[in-house]
Amino acid sequence: MASILKVNTFTGASTAGSIAVTGEGNSTTTNLQQGLAKAWACNEQDGTNGVLDSFNQASITDIGNGQHSGTRTNNMASVNWTVGFLTSADGSSNDYSMVHCGMRTANGTLSDKSTSLVSCYVKNSSHSGLDLANVGYQIFGDLA
């Protein structure tokens, strides 16, 4: 018979911010907090350059053609976080790829990673910035 568990908060018994989940096969455990995305967003670069949907993203800023940055609502604990990007097709025959995670300044130059900001830069096969209708990212690491 199936059971339903309804709670508003999970707290670890020995450490409040640490809950172990037994993995498939029952031989390993995973820390639940470490496996959760701490921020994600689906942004539009072309047209209105806005947020389509997000979690822990306060705003985006248009940096230039194919470039935007997302500011987090809650910062990361350090710059030792990782990010994954994805993009949608632009309806053309252009090949494109995301080439940078971290931070770009307003003039588009590379900068060190930040605890509060992530930048996206999409280029076409000619290495020119390319605005797309749908650019997403997911951030993993420790929140401050």
N, C-alpha and C. Protein backbone atom coordinates (compact mmCIF):
# COMPACT_ATOMS: atom_id res chain seq x y z
N MET A 1 0.83 -1.17 0.00
CA MET A 1 0.00 0.00 0.00
C MET A 1 0.88 1.24 0.00
N ALA A 2 0.58 2.22 -0.83
CA ALA A 2 1.36 3.45 -0.93
C ALA A 2 1.07 4.36 0.25
N SER A 3 2.08 5.14 0.64
CA SER A 3 1.94 6.10 1.74
C SER A 3 2.17 7.50 1.20
N ILE A 4 1.60 8.47 1.86
CA ILE A 4 1.81 9.87 1.52
C ILE A 4 2.40 10.56 2.73
N LEU A 5 3.51 11.25 2.53
CA LEU A 5 4.18 12.01 3.57
C LEU A 5 4.07 13.48 3.22
N LYS A 6 3.46 14.26 4.08
CA LYS A 6 3.31 15.70 3.83
C LYS A 6 4.04 16.47 4.91
N VAL A 7 5.09 17.21 4.50
CA VAL A 7 5.86 18.03 5.43
C VAL A 7 6.23 19.33 4.73
N ASN A 8 6.55 20.35 5.51
CA ASN A 8 7.00 21.62 4.96
C ASN A 8 8.51 21.76 5.01
N THR A 9 9.17 21.03 5.91
CA THR A 9 10.61 21.17 6.09
C THR A 9 11.24 19.83 6.41
N PHE A 10 12.39 19.55 5.77
CA PHE A 10 13.23 18.42 6.13
C PHE A 10 14.44 18.97 6.85
N THR A 11 14.80 18.38 7.97
CA THR A 11 15.99 18.77 8.71
C THR A 11 16.75 17.52 9.08
N GLY A 12 18.06 17.53 8.87
CA GLY A 12 18.88 16.38 9.23
C GLY A 12 18.89 16.18 10.73
N ALA A 13 18.96 14.93 11.19
CA ALA A 13 18.94 14.62 12.62
C ALA A 13 20.22 15.04 13.32
N SER A 14 21.40 14.73 12.72
CA SER A 14 22.66 15.07 13.38
C SER A 14 23.20 16.42 12.91
N THR A 15 22.95 16.79 11.68
CA THR A 15 23.36 18.09 11.14
C THR A 15 22.16 18.66 10.39
N ALA A 16 21.66 19.79 10.82
CA ALA A 16 20.41 20.34 10.29
C ALA A 16 20.41 20.47 8.77
N GLY A 17 21.54 20.88 8.18
CA GLY A 17 21.59 21.12 6.75
C GLY A 17 22.11 19.96 5.93
N SER A 18 22.06 18.74 6.47
CA SER A 18 22.61 17.60 5.76
C SER A 18 21.68 16.40 5.88
N ILE A 19 21.13 15.96 4.76
CA ILE A 19 20.25 14.80 4.73
C ILE A 19 20.81 13.81 3.72
N ALA A 20 21.07 12.57 4.16
CA ALA A 20 21.60 11.53 3.28
C ALA A 20 20.44 10.74 2.69
N VAL A 21 20.53 10.47 1.39
CA VAL A 21 19.53 9.68 0.68
C VAL A 21 20.22 8.42 0.18
N THR A 22 19.63 7.26 0.47
CA THR A 22 20.20 6.00 0.01
C THR A 22 19.98 5.87 -1.48
N GLY A 23 21.06 5.56 -2.19
CA GLY A 23 21.01 5.46 -3.65
C GLY A 23 20.44 4.15 -4.14
N GLU A 24 20.31 4.06 -5.46
CA GLU A 24 19.85 2.84 -6.09
C GLU A 24 20.80 1.71 -5.74
N GLY A 25 20.31 0.55 -5.44
CA GLY A 25 21.17 -0.57 -5.07
C GLY A 25 21.48 -0.62 -3.59
N ASN A 26 21.11 0.41 -2.84
CA ASN A 26 21.27 0.46 -1.38
C ASN A 26 22.70 0.40 -0.87
N SER A 27 23.71 0.66 -1.73
CA SER A 27 25.10 0.56 -1.28
C SER A 27 25.77 1.92 -1.10
N THR A 28 25.16 2.99 -1.56
CA THR A 28 25.75 4.32 -1.44
C THR A 28 24.70 5.30 -0.94
N THR A 29 25.19 6.44 -0.45
CA THR A 29 24.29 7.52 -0.06
C THR A 29 24.71 8.79 -0.77
N THR A 30 23.77 9.66 -0.97
CA THR A 30 24.00 10.96 -1.59
C THR A 30 23.50 12.03 -0.64
N ASN A 31 24.25 13.11 -0.50
CA ASN A 31 23.81 14.23 0.31
C ASN A 31 22.76 15.00 -0.49
N LEU A 32 21.55 15.08 0.00
CA LEU A 32 20.44 15.70 -0.73
C LEU A 32 20.74 17.15 -1.10
N GLN A 33 21.26 17.94 -0.17
CA GLN A 33 21.53 19.35 -0.45
C GLN A 33 22.58 19.54 -1.54
N GLN A 34 23.59 18.69 -1.58
CA GLN A 34 24.65 18.82 -2.58
C GLN A 34 24.14 18.49 -3.98
N GLY A 35 23.09 17.70 -4.08
CA GLY A 35 22.58 17.30 -5.38
C GLY A 35 21.53 18.20 -5.97
N LEU A 36 21.12 19.23 -5.25
CA LEU A 36 20.08 20.13 -5.74
C LEU A 36 20.66 21.33 -6.47
N ALA A 37 19.99 21.74 -7.54
CA ALA A 37 20.39 22.98 -8.22
C ALA A 37 20.08 24.14 -7.29
N LYS A 38 21.04 25.05 -7.14
CA LYS A 38 20.85 26.21 -6.26
C LYS A 38 20.26 27.40 -7.00
N ALA A 39 20.30 27.34 -8.33
CA ALA A 39 19.67 28.36 -9.17
C ALA A 39 19.50 27.78 -10.56
N TRP A 40 18.46 28.22 -11.25
CA TRP A 40 18.29 27.88 -12.66
C TRP A 40 17.48 28.97 -13.32
N ALA A 41 17.61 29.08 -14.61
CA ALA A 41 16.85 30.11 -15.33
C ALA A 41 16.68 29.72 -16.79
N CYS A 42 15.60 30.20 -17.34
CA CYS A 42 15.32 30.11 -18.77
C CYS A 42 15.11 31.56 -19.22
N ASN A 43 16.07 32.09 -19.96
CA ASN A 43 16.05 33.51 -20.35
C ASN A 43 15.93 33.67 -21.86
N GLU A 44 15.41 34.81 -22.24
CA GLU A 44 15.30 35.17 -23.65
C GLU A 44 16.32 36.26 -23.94
N GLN A 45 17.18 36.03 -24.94
CA GLN A 45 18.17 37.04 -25.31
C GLN A 45 17.66 37.94 -26.43
N ASP A 46 16.89 37.37 -27.35
CA ASP A 46 16.40 38.20 -28.45
C ASP A 46 15.06 38.82 -28.06
N GLY A 47 14.64 39.82 -28.77
CA GLY A 47 13.36 40.47 -28.45
C GLY A 47 13.46 41.28 -27.17
N THR A 48 12.67 40.90 -26.18
CA THR A 48 12.59 41.68 -24.95
C THR A 48 13.73 41.44 -23.98
N ASN A 49 14.55 40.40 -24.20
CA ASN A 49 15.67 40.06 -23.32
C ASN A 49 15.21 39.97 -21.87
N GLY A 50 14.37 38.98 -21.59
CA GLY A 50 13.80 38.86 -20.27
C GLY A 50 13.87 37.45 -19.71
N VAL A 51 13.38 37.32 -18.49
CA VAL A 51 13.33 36.05 -17.78
C VAL A 51 12.03 35.34 -18.16
N LEU A 52 12.14 34.12 -18.70
CA LEU A 52 10.96 33.33 -19.04
C LEU A 52 10.49 32.55 -17.82
N ASP A 53 11.42 31.99 -17.05
CA ASP A 53 11.12 31.28 -15.81
C ASP A 53 12.44 31.11 -15.07
N SER A 54 12.40 31.07 -13.75
CA SER A 54 13.65 30.96 -13.01
C SER A 54 13.43 30.56 -11.56
N PHE A 55 14.52 30.16 -10.92
CA PHE A 55 14.58 29.91 -9.48
C PHE A 55 15.88 30.54 -8.99
N ASN A 56 15.80 31.41 -8.01
CA ASN A 56 16.95 32.09 -7.42
C ASN A 56 17.69 32.98 -8.42
N GLN A 57 16.97 33.56 -9.36
CA GLN A 57 17.54 34.56 -10.26
C GLN A 57 16.71 35.84 -10.09
N ALA A 58 17.37 36.91 -9.70
CA ALA A 58 16.68 38.17 -9.44
C ALA A 58 16.42 38.94 -10.73
N SER A 59 17.39 38.96 -11.65
CA SER A 59 17.26 39.76 -12.87
C SER A 59 18.29 39.32 -13.89
N ILE A 60 18.12 39.80 -15.14
CA ILE A 60 19.15 39.60 -16.15
C ILE A 60 19.52 40.95 -16.75
N THR A 61 20.74 41.02 -17.25
CA THR A 61 21.24 42.24 -17.88
C THR A 61 21.77 41.88 -19.26
N ASP A 62 21.37 42.64 -20.27
CA ASP A 62 21.87 42.46 -21.63
C ASP A 62 23.25 43.09 -21.71
N ILE A 63 24.27 42.27 -21.99
CA ILE A 63 25.64 42.77 -22.07
C ILE A 63 26.01 43.09 -23.51
N GLY A 64 25.44 42.38 -24.46
CA GLY A 64 25.76 42.58 -25.86
C GLY A 64 25.19 41.46 -26.68
N ASN A 65 25.51 41.42 -27.96
CA ASN A 65 24.99 40.40 -28.86
C ASN A 65 25.40 39.01 -28.38
N GLY A 66 24.43 38.17 -28.04
CA GLY A 66 24.70 36.82 -27.57
C GLY A 66 25.13 36.74 -26.12
N GLN A 67 25.13 37.85 -25.40
CA GLN A 67 25.62 37.87 -24.02
C GLN A 67 24.59 38.45 -23.07
N HIS A 68 24.41 37.77 -21.94
CA HIS A 68 23.63 38.34 -20.85
C HIS A 68 24.13 37.77 -19.54
N SER A 69 23.84 38.46 -18.46
CA SER A 69 24.21 37.96 -17.13
C SER A 69 22.98 37.89 -16.27
N GLY A 70 22.96 36.90 -15.38
CA GLY A 70 21.87 36.73 -14.44
C GLY A 70 22.36 36.95 -13.02
N THR A 71 21.66 37.80 -12.28
CA THR A 71 22.01 38.07 -10.89
C THR A 71 21.15 37.19 -9.99
N ARG A 72 21.79 36.51 -9.05
CA ARG A 72 21.07 35.62 -8.15
C ARG A 72 20.40 36.38 -7.01
N THR A 73 19.28 35.83 -6.55
CA THR A 73 18.59 36.36 -5.38
C THR A 73 19.39 36.04 -4.12
N ASN A 74 19.85 34.78 -4.01
CA ASN A 74 20.67 34.33 -2.90
C ASN A 74 22.04 33.95 -3.45
N ASN A 75 23.09 34.54 -2.91
CA ASN A 75 24.45 34.34 -3.41
C ASN A 75 24.98 32.96 -3.07
N MET A 76 26.01 32.57 -3.81
CA MET A 76 26.73 31.34 -3.51
C MET A 76 27.73 31.62 -2.39
N ALA A 77 28.15 30.57 -1.69
CA ALA A 77 29.08 30.73 -0.56
C ALA A 77 30.47 31.13 -1.02
N SER A 78 30.86 30.69 -2.21
CA SER A 78 32.18 31.01 -2.76
C SER A 78 32.08 30.99 -4.28
N VAL A 79 33.19 31.21 -4.95
CA VAL A 79 33.20 31.15 -6.41
C VAL A 79 33.42 29.72 -6.92
N ASN A 80 33.46 28.76 -6.01
CA ASN A 80 33.69 27.36 -6.38
C ASN A 80 32.37 26.64 -6.68
N TRP A 81 31.61 27.18 -7.62
CA TRP A 81 30.36 26.58 -8.07
C TRP A 81 30.52 26.17 -9.52
N THR A 82 29.60 25.37 -10.00
CA THR A 82 29.65 24.94 -11.39
C THR A 82 28.32 25.22 -12.06
N VAL A 83 28.35 25.32 -13.37
CA VAL A 83 27.14 25.69 -14.10
C VAL A 83 27.04 24.85 -15.37
N GLY A 84 25.82 24.55 -15.75
CA GLY A 84 25.55 23.91 -17.03
C GLY A 84 24.63 24.81 -17.84
N PHE A 85 24.86 24.89 -19.15
CA PHE A 85 24.06 25.75 -20.02
C PHE A 85 23.34 24.91 -21.06
N LEU A 86 22.25 25.44 -21.57
CA LEU A 86 21.59 24.86 -22.73
C LEU A 86 20.96 25.99 -23.53
N THR A 87 20.80 25.74 -24.82
CA THR A 87 20.20 26.74 -25.69
C THR A 87 19.18 26.06 -26.59
N SER A 88 18.30 26.87 -27.16
CA SER A 88 17.33 26.36 -28.13
C SER A 88 17.86 26.62 -29.53
N ALA A 89 17.31 25.92 -30.49
CA ALA A 89 17.68 26.17 -31.89
C ALA A 89 17.16 27.54 -32.31
N ASP A 90 17.87 28.18 -33.21
CA ASP A 90 17.46 29.52 -33.65
C ASP A 90 16.71 29.49 -34.98
N GLY A 91 16.41 28.31 -35.49
CA GLY A 91 15.65 28.21 -36.73
C GLY A 91 16.48 28.41 -37.98
N SER A 92 17.79 28.53 -37.84
CA SER A 92 18.66 28.70 -39.01
C SER A 92 19.60 27.52 -39.10
N SER A 93 20.50 27.59 -40.03
CA SER A 93 21.49 26.51 -40.17
C SER A 93 22.75 26.81 -39.37
N ASN A 94 22.73 27.87 -38.56
CA ASN A 94 23.91 28.23 -37.78
C ASN A 94 24.22 27.17 -36.73
N ASP A 95 25.49 26.84 -36.60
CA ASP A 95 25.94 26.06 -35.46
C ASP A 95 26.32 27.06 -34.39
N TYR A 96 25.98 26.77 -33.15
CA TYR A 96 26.33 27.69 -32.09
C TYR A 96 26.65 26.92 -30.84
N SER A 97 27.35 27.58 -29.93
CA SER A 97 27.72 26.93 -28.69
C SER A 97 27.89 27.96 -27.60
N MET A 98 27.66 27.54 -26.37
CA MET A 98 27.88 28.38 -25.20
C MET A 98 29.36 28.25 -24.87
N VAL A 99 30.02 29.34 -24.66
CA VAL A 99 31.47 29.26 -24.48
C VAL A 99 31.97 29.78 -23.14
N HIS A 100 31.12 30.40 -22.35
CA HIS A 100 31.64 30.99 -21.12
C HIS A 100 30.65 30.83 -19.99
N CYS A 101 31.15 30.42 -18.86
CA CYS A 101 30.36 30.49 -17.64
C CYS A 101 31.18 31.27 -16.64
N GLY A 102 30.56 32.11 -15.92
CA GLY A 102 31.26 32.94 -14.97
C GLY A 102 30.76 34.35 -15.04
N MET A 103 31.61 35.27 -15.37
CA MET A 103 31.23 36.67 -15.31
C MET A 103 31.86 37.44 -16.46
N ARG A 104 31.09 38.31 -17.06
CA ARG A 104 31.59 39.25 -18.06
C ARG A 104 31.25 40.65 -17.59
N THR A 105 32.14 41.56 -17.81
CA THR A 105 31.89 42.94 -17.44
C THR A 105 31.01 43.59 -18.49
N ALA A 106 30.57 44.81 -18.25
CA ALA A 106 29.67 45.51 -19.16
C ALA A 106 30.25 45.66 -20.56
N ASN A 107 31.57 45.74 -20.67
CA ASN A 107 32.17 45.87 -22.01
C ASN A 107 32.46 44.52 -22.65
N GLY A 108 32.05 43.42 -21.99
CA GLY A 108 32.17 42.09 -22.57
C GLY A 108 33.47 41.37 -22.29
N THR A 109 34.39 41.97 -21.53
CA THR A 109 35.64 41.29 -21.24
C THR A 109 35.44 40.26 -20.13
N LEU A 110 36.28 39.23 -20.14
CA LEU A 110 36.18 38.19 -19.13
C LEU A 110 36.62 38.72 -17.77
N SER A 111 36.00 38.21 -16.74
CA SER A 111 36.36 38.55 -15.38
C SER A 111 36.29 37.28 -14.55
N ASP A 112 36.74 37.33 -13.32
CA ASP A 112 36.65 36.18 -12.43
C ASP A 112 35.20 35.85 -12.13
N LYS A 113 34.95 34.59 -11.73
CA LYS A 113 33.61 34.18 -11.34
C LYS A 113 33.18 34.97 -10.11
N SER A 114 31.88 35.08 -9.95
CA SER A 114 31.30 35.86 -8.87
C SER A 114 30.37 34.99 -8.05
N THR A 115 30.16 35.33 -6.78
CA THR A 115 29.20 34.61 -5.95
C THR A 115 27.76 35.01 -6.25
N SER A 116 27.56 36.12 -6.97
CA SER A 116 26.21 36.64 -7.19
C SER A 116 25.77 36.71 -8.63
N LEU A 117 26.65 36.37 -9.59
CA LEU A 117 26.35 36.61 -10.99
C LEU A 117 26.85 35.46 -11.86
N VAL A 118 26.08 35.13 -12.89
CA VAL A 118 26.52 34.18 -13.90
C VAL A 118 26.29 34.81 -15.27
N SER A 119 27.21 34.61 -16.19
CA SER A 119 27.08 35.18 -17.53
C SER A 119 27.02 34.09 -18.57
N CYS A 120 26.29 34.36 -19.63
CA CYS A 120 26.16 33.45 -20.76
C CYS A 120 26.67 34.17 -22.00
N TYR A 121 27.36 33.42 -22.85
CA TYR A 121 27.81 33.99 -24.11
C TYR A 121 27.61 32.93 -25.19
N VAL A 122 26.70 33.18 -26.12
CA VAL A 122 26.41 32.26 -27.21
C VAL A 122 27.07 32.79 -28.47
N LYS A 123 27.82 31.93 -29.16
CA LYS A 123 28.49 32.32 -30.40
C LYS A 123 28.00 31.42 -31.53
N ASN A 124 27.98 31.96 -32.74
CA ASN A 124 27.70 31.14 -33.91
C ASN A 124 28.99 30.54 -34.43
N SER A 125 28.92 29.80 -35.53
CA SER A 125 30.11 29.12 -36.05
C SER A 125 31.18 30.09 -36.54
N SER A 126 30.82 31.37 -36.75
CA SER A 126 31.80 32.39 -37.13
C SER A 126 32.35 33.12 -35.91
N HIS A 127 32.01 32.64 -34.72
CA HIS A 127 32.47 33.20 -33.45
C HIS A 127 31.91 34.59 -33.18
N SER A 128 30.75 34.89 -33.75
CA SER A 128 30.06 36.15 -33.46
C SER A 128 28.95 35.87 -32.46
N GLY A 129 28.66 36.84 -31.60
CA GLY A 129 27.59 36.70 -30.64
C GLY A 129 26.26 36.47 -31.34
N LEU A 130 25.44 35.58 -30.78
CA LEU A 130 24.16 35.22 -31.39
C LEU A 130 23.07 35.23 -30.33
N ASP A 131 22.11 36.16 -30.44
CA ASP A 131 20.97 36.20 -29.53
C ASP A 131 20.00 35.08 -29.86
N LEU A 132 19.57 34.33 -28.85
CA LEU A 132 18.62 33.24 -29.03
C LEU A 132 17.37 33.48 -28.18
N ALA A 133 16.29 32.84 -28.58
CA ALA A 133 15.02 33.01 -27.87
C ALA A 133 15.00 32.29 -26.53
N ASN A 134 15.86 31.29 -26.34
CA ASN A 134 15.78 30.49 -25.14
C ASN A 134 17.18 30.04 -24.73
N VAL A 135 17.70 30.59 -23.64
CA VAL A 135 19.00 30.23 -23.10
C VAL A 135 18.82 29.88 -21.62
N GLY A 136 19.28 28.71 -21.22
CA GLY A 136 19.07 28.30 -19.83
C GLY A 136 20.37 27.93 -19.15
N TYR A 137 20.34 27.96 -17.82
CA TYR A 137 21.48 27.52 -17.03
C TYR A 137 21.00 26.91 -15.73
N GLN A 138 21.87 26.09 -15.13
CA GLN A 138 21.65 25.51 -13.82
C GLN A 138 22.94 25.65 -13.03
N ILE A 139 22.84 26.05 -11.77
CA ILE A 139 24.02 26.25 -10.93
C ILE A 139 24.00 25.28 -9.76
N PHE A 140 25.15 24.64 -9.53
CA PHE A 140 25.32 23.72 -8.41
C PHE A 140 26.49 24.19 -7.56
N GLY A 141 26.36 24.06 -6.25
CA GLY A 141 27.38 24.48 -5.30
C GLY A 141 26.71 24.79 -3.98
N ASP A 142 27.42 25.48 -3.11
CA ASP A 142 26.90 25.80 -1.78
C ASP A 142 26.39 27.24 -1.74
N LEU A 143 25.19 27.41 -1.20
CA LEU A 143 24.66 28.77 -0.99
C LEU A 143 25.31 29.40 0.23
N ALA A 144 25.37 30.73 0.22
CA ALA A 144 25.95 31.47 1.35
C ALA A 144 25.06 31.33 2.57
